[in-house]
């Protein structure tokens, strides 16, 4: 049996922040957990599955007693913001109606979408739906990520590739991906692309380099969740 672990879950609290940041008494915990799930599903359907596609890569949720803060990381902030902020206000009203809480929506731009695992996987899924040659697309995605500054990238697709009768797995890899190194910044995403001949599973690993003290303060890394950079070497 394989001894695999989720690259993000492996690093939570050490070099990665939790994606939901709040505390609740035992009686409320389950309700708020389900609410977080519904918020993420709603935003994914609203922003990623319906045109104009907003290329949302991640959603972080923070709660206080009085308000709910939703942080949306997107490669197209203008699409989410809307004309004069109309899109963001509409999102706030929808989430307030859903949760019955005071909601603040914050939009954070993904500066390098070519190195974002979720955006790579979504783009790949769309191209496979359009019956593009999956081998060529895999190679192109890997090469563009490396050109954009990634230290290593691996993409794996599984299912009825090219409409074949028997499902199989195809994998492409460039550079290095140190999965066991906690100090390594490895971005990971898995999505399912529904095609006319079945569901294709897509996994993407992107190694962006080692975490540093400067990187910890960027894009809501570990400062909000109590994570910290791990000392290199043993003392």
Protein backbone atom coordinates (compact mmCIF):
# COMPACT_ATOMS: atom_id res chain seq x y z
CA UNK A 1 0.00 0.00 0.00
CA UNK A 2 1.09 3.56 -0.66
CA UNK A 3 1.84 5.80 2.32
CA UNK A 4 0.72 9.04 0.70
CA UNK A 5 -0.42 12.16 2.55
CA UNK A 6 -2.03 15.40 1.38
CA UNK A 7 0.73 17.98 0.72
CA UNK A 8 -1.33 20.80 2.24
CA UNK A 9 -2.64 18.90 5.27
CA UNK A 10 0.91 17.68 5.96
CA UNK A 11 2.07 21.29 6.43
CA UNK A 12 -0.93 22.88 8.18
CA UNK A 13 0.14 24.69 11.34
CA UNK A 14 3.82 24.43 10.43
CA UNK A 15 4.32 26.38 7.22
CA UNK A 16 0.70 26.66 5.99
CA UNK A 17 -2.27 28.48 7.49
CA UNK A 18 -5.70 26.91 8.00
CA UNK A 19 -8.18 27.91 5.29
CA UNK A 20 -10.92 28.43 7.88
CA UNK A 21 -9.82 30.49 10.87
CA UNK A 22 -12.29 30.64 13.76
CA UNK A 23 -13.13 29.15 17.15
CA UNK A 24 -16.55 27.93 18.28
CA UNK A 25 -18.09 26.10 21.25
CA UNK A 26 -18.82 22.41 20.75
CA UNK A 27 -22.55 23.00 20.19
CA UNK A 28 -21.91 25.41 17.29
CA UNK A 29 -18.92 23.74 15.66
CA UNK A 30 -20.85 21.39 13.34
CA UNK A 31 -23.21 24.12 12.18
CA UNK A 32 -20.36 26.51 11.31
CA UNK A 33 -18.41 23.74 9.57
CA UNK A 34 -21.37 22.98 7.28
CA UNK A 35 -21.84 26.71 6.70
CA UNK A 36 -18.20 27.02 5.56
CA UNK A 37 -18.74 24.13 3.13
CA UNK A 38 -21.88 25.75 1.69
CA UNK A 39 -20.09 29.10 1.27
CA UNK A 40 -17.23 27.47 -0.65
CA UNK A 41 -19.62 25.46 -2.88
CA UNK A 42 -21.72 28.54 -3.61
CA UNK A 43 -18.72 30.71 -4.51
CA UNK A 44 -17.17 27.96 -6.64
CA UNK A 45 -20.43 27.53 -8.59
CA UNK A 46 -21.00 31.28 -8.85
CA UNK A 47 -17.47 32.34 -9.84
CA UNK A 48 -15.78 29.29 -11.39
CA UNK A 49 -18.61 27.33 -13.07
CA UNK A 50 -20.64 30.12 -14.67
CA UNK A 51 -19.44 32.78 -17.15
CA UNK A 52 -17.63 35.11 -16.91
CA UNK A 53 -15.20 32.68 -15.26
CA UNK A 54 -13.26 34.43 -12.50
CA UNK A 55 -10.36 31.95 -12.04
CA UNK A 56 -10.77 31.66 -8.25
CA UNK A 57 -7.97 29.51 -6.83
CA UNK A 58 -8.71 29.56 -3.09
CA UNK A 59 -11.23 30.77 -0.50
CA UNK A 60 -10.28 31.59 3.10
CA UNK A 61 -12.88 32.17 5.82
CA UNK A 62 -12.36 34.13 9.05
CA UNK A 63 -14.99 34.59 11.76
CA UNK A 64 -15.42 36.85 14.77
CA UNK A 65 -18.43 37.20 17.07
CA UNK A 66 -19.91 39.96 14.93
CA UNK A 67 -18.85 39.28 11.34
CA UNK A 68 -17.82 36.76 8.72
CA UNK A 69 -14.88 37.61 6.46
CA UNK A 70 -14.47 35.78 3.14
CA UNK A 71 -11.11 36.16 1.37
CA UNK A 72 -11.23 35.25 -2.32
CA UNK A 73 -7.94 34.60 -4.12
CA UNK A 74 -8.42 35.07 -7.86
CA UNK A 75 -6.36 35.62 -10.99
CA UNK A 76 -9.09 37.97 -12.35
CA UNK A 77 -9.97 40.35 -9.50
CA UNK A 78 -11.81 42.70 -11.89
CA UNK A 79 -14.33 39.97 -12.73
CA UNK A 80 -15.14 39.41 -9.05
CA UNK A 81 -15.10 43.12 -8.14
CA UNK A 82 -17.47 44.10 -10.96
CA UNK A 83 -18.17 47.61 -12.20
CA UNK A 84 -17.57 50.08 -9.32
CA UNK A 85 -17.63 47.18 -6.83
CA UNK A 86 -21.12 45.98 -7.82
CA UNK A 87 -20.02 42.34 -8.10
CA UNK A 88 -18.51 42.29 -4.63
CA UNK A 89 -21.61 43.93 -3.10
CA UNK A 90 -23.85 41.35 -4.76
CA UNK A 91 -21.69 38.54 -3.36
CA UNK A 92 -21.96 40.09 0.11
CA UNK A 93 -25.77 40.24 -0.11
CA UNK A 94 -25.97 36.61 -1.29
CA UNK A 95 -23.73 35.38 1.55
CA UNK A 96 -25.59 37.47 4.14
CA UNK A 97 -28.89 35.95 2.99
CA UNK A 98 -27.34 32.48 3.21
CA UNK A 99 -25.67 32.84 6.63
CA UNK A 100 -27.74 35.59 8.31
CA UNK A 101 -24.49 37.26 9.40
CA UNK A 102 -22.64 40.46 8.59
CA UNK A 103 -20.31 39.49 5.69
CA UNK A 104 -17.18 41.21 4.40
CA UNK A 105 -15.75 40.05 1.05
CA UNK A 106 -12.06 40.71 0.44
CA UNK A 107 -10.46 40.08 -2.94
CA UNK A 108 -6.77 39.10 -3.22
CA UNK A 109 -5.07 38.90 -6.61
CA UNK A 110 -3.06 35.80 -7.54
CA UNK A 111 0.03 37.42 -9.01
CA UNK A 112 1.39 34.32 -10.76
CA UNK A 113 -1.52 32.16 -12.03
CA UNK A 114 0.84 30.01 -14.14
CA UNK A 115 2.24 28.55 -10.89
CA UNK A 116 -1.09 28.05 -9.09
CA UNK A 117 -1.96 24.34 -8.92
CA UNK A 118 -5.75 24.87 -8.81
CA UNK A 119 -5.75 27.20 -11.82
CA UNK A 120 -3.49 24.84 -13.79
CA UNK A 121 -5.84 21.93 -13.05
CA UNK A 122 -8.98 23.92 -13.98
CA UNK A 123 -7.40 25.09 -17.25
CA UNK A 124 -6.33 21.55 -18.07
CA UNK A 125 -9.83 20.23 -17.32
CA UNK A 126 -11.41 22.77 -19.69
CA UNK A 127 -9.03 21.82 -22.49
CA UNK A 128 -9.67 18.09 -22.00
CA UNK A 129 -13.44 18.79 -22.19
CA UNK A 130 -12.80 20.37 -25.60
CA UNK A 131 -11.10 17.13 -26.71
CA UNK A 132 -7.59 18.62 -26.88
CA UNK A 133 -4.67 16.21 -27.13
CA UNK A 134 -4.02 15.52 -23.44
CA UNK A 135 -0.33 14.62 -23.88
CA UNK A 136 0.43 17.90 -25.60
CA UNK A 137 -1.62 19.88 -23.07
CA UNK A 138 0.17 18.21 -20.13
CA UNK A 139 3.56 19.10 -21.57
CA UNK A 140 2.52 22.69 -22.32
CA UNK A 141 1.16 23.25 -18.77
CA UNK A 142 4.34 21.86 -17.20
CA UNK A 143 6.62 23.95 -19.39
CA UNK A 144 4.64 27.16 -18.81
CA UNK A 145 4.76 26.62 -15.02
CA UNK A 146 8.51 26.10 -15.11
CA UNK A 147 8.94 29.20 -17.30
CA UNK A 148 6.89 31.19 -14.75
CA UNK A 149 9.34 30.37 -11.95
CA UNK A 150 8.28 27.00 -10.51
CA UNK A 151 11.08 24.75 -9.26
CA UNK A 152 9.18 21.61 -10.18
CA UNK A 153 5.77 20.53 -11.43
CA UNK A 154 3.94 17.23 -11.78
CA UNK A 155 0.57 16.64 -13.43
CA UNK A 156 -1.33 13.35 -13.35
CA UNK A 157 -4.55 12.62 -15.23
CA UNK A 158 -6.63 9.45 -14.83
CA UNK A 159 -9.71 8.09 -16.54
CA UNK A 160 -10.88 7.34 -20.07
CA UNK A 161 -8.20 9.49 -21.67
CA UNK A 162 -8.96 10.30 -25.29
CA UNK A 163 -12.23 8.37 -25.00
CA UNK A 164 -10.47 5.01 -24.63
CA UNK A 165 -12.54 2.00 -23.52
CA UNK A 166 -10.18 1.21 -20.62
CA UNK A 167 -9.24 3.90 -18.10
CA UNK A 168 -5.55 4.59 -17.54
CA UNK A 169 -3.23 7.06 -15.85
CA UNK A 170 -0.86 9.47 -17.59
CA UNK A 171 1.71 11.53 -15.67
CA UNK A 172 4.19 14.26 -16.67
CA UNK A 173 6.89 15.69 -14.43
CA UNK A 174 9.51 18.43 -14.72
CA UNK A 175 11.98 19.54 -12.05
CA UNK A 176 11.93 18.29 -8.44
CA UNK A 177 9.05 17.95 -5.96
CA UNK A 178 10.26 17.23 -2.38
CA UNK A 179 6.99 15.94 -0.91
CA UNK A 180 8.53 14.87 2.42
CA UNK A 181 10.23 18.21 3.17
CA UNK A 182 8.06 20.35 5.44
CA UNK A 183 10.05 23.47 4.54
CA UNK A 184 9.16 23.01 0.84
CA UNK A 185 6.32 25.15 -0.53
CA UNK A 186 4.34 22.55 -2.51
CA UNK A 187 1.01 23.69 -3.97
CA UNK A 188 -1.43 20.84 -4.66
CA UNK A 189 -4.86 20.59 -6.27
CA UNK A 190 -7.18 17.83 -7.44
CA UNK A 191 -10.26 18.38 -9.61
CA UNK A 192 -12.68 16.24 -11.64
CA UNK A 193 -13.43 17.12 -15.24
CA UNK A 194 -16.75 15.73 -16.49
CA UNK A 195 -16.48 14.83 -20.18
CA UNK A 196 -18.96 13.16 -22.53
CA UNK A 197 -17.21 9.81 -22.09
CA UNK A 198 -16.65 9.88 -18.30
CA UNK A 199 -14.97 11.73 -15.46
CA UNK A 200 -11.26 12.56 -15.74
CA UNK A 201 -9.36 13.08 -12.48
CA UNK A 202 -6.59 15.70 -12.55
CA UNK A 203 -3.91 16.13 -9.86
CA UNK A 204 -1.31 18.91 -9.92
CA UNK A 205 1.74 19.41 -7.71
CA UNK A 206 3.78 22.64 -8.01
CA UNK A 207 7.02 23.14 -6.06
CA UNK A 208 7.61 26.89 -5.63
CA UNK A 209 10.81 26.75 -3.56
CA UNK A 210 11.52 26.74 0.15
CA UNK A 211 9.53 28.78 2.64
CA UNK A 212 11.38 31.82 3.97
CA UNK A 213 10.61 34.35 6.68
CA UNK A 214 9.53 36.83 3.98
CA UNK A 215 7.15 34.37 2.33
CA UNK A 216 5.41 33.69 5.64
CA UNK A 217 3.88 37.17 5.63
CA UNK A 218 2.60 36.96 2.06
CA UNK A 219 -0.87 35.83 0.95
CA UNK A 220 -2.15 34.84 4.41
CA UNK A 221 0.49 32.20 5.06
CA UNK A 222 1.05 31.15 8.65
CA UNK A 223 0.68 34.45 10.53
CA UNK A 224 -3.08 34.03 10.95
CA UNK A 225 -3.02 30.35 11.93
CA UNK A 226 -0.05 30.16 14.23
CA UNK A 227 2.08 28.32 11.70
CA UNK A 228 5.76 29.18 11.56
CA UNK A 229 8.76 28.55 9.39
CA UNK A 230 10.51 25.36 10.41
CA UNK A 231 14.18 25.69 11.26
CA UNK A 232 16.44 24.17 8.65
CA UNK A 233 18.46 21.28 9.94
CA UNK A 234 18.36 19.83 13.43
CA UNK A 235 19.45 21.56 16.61
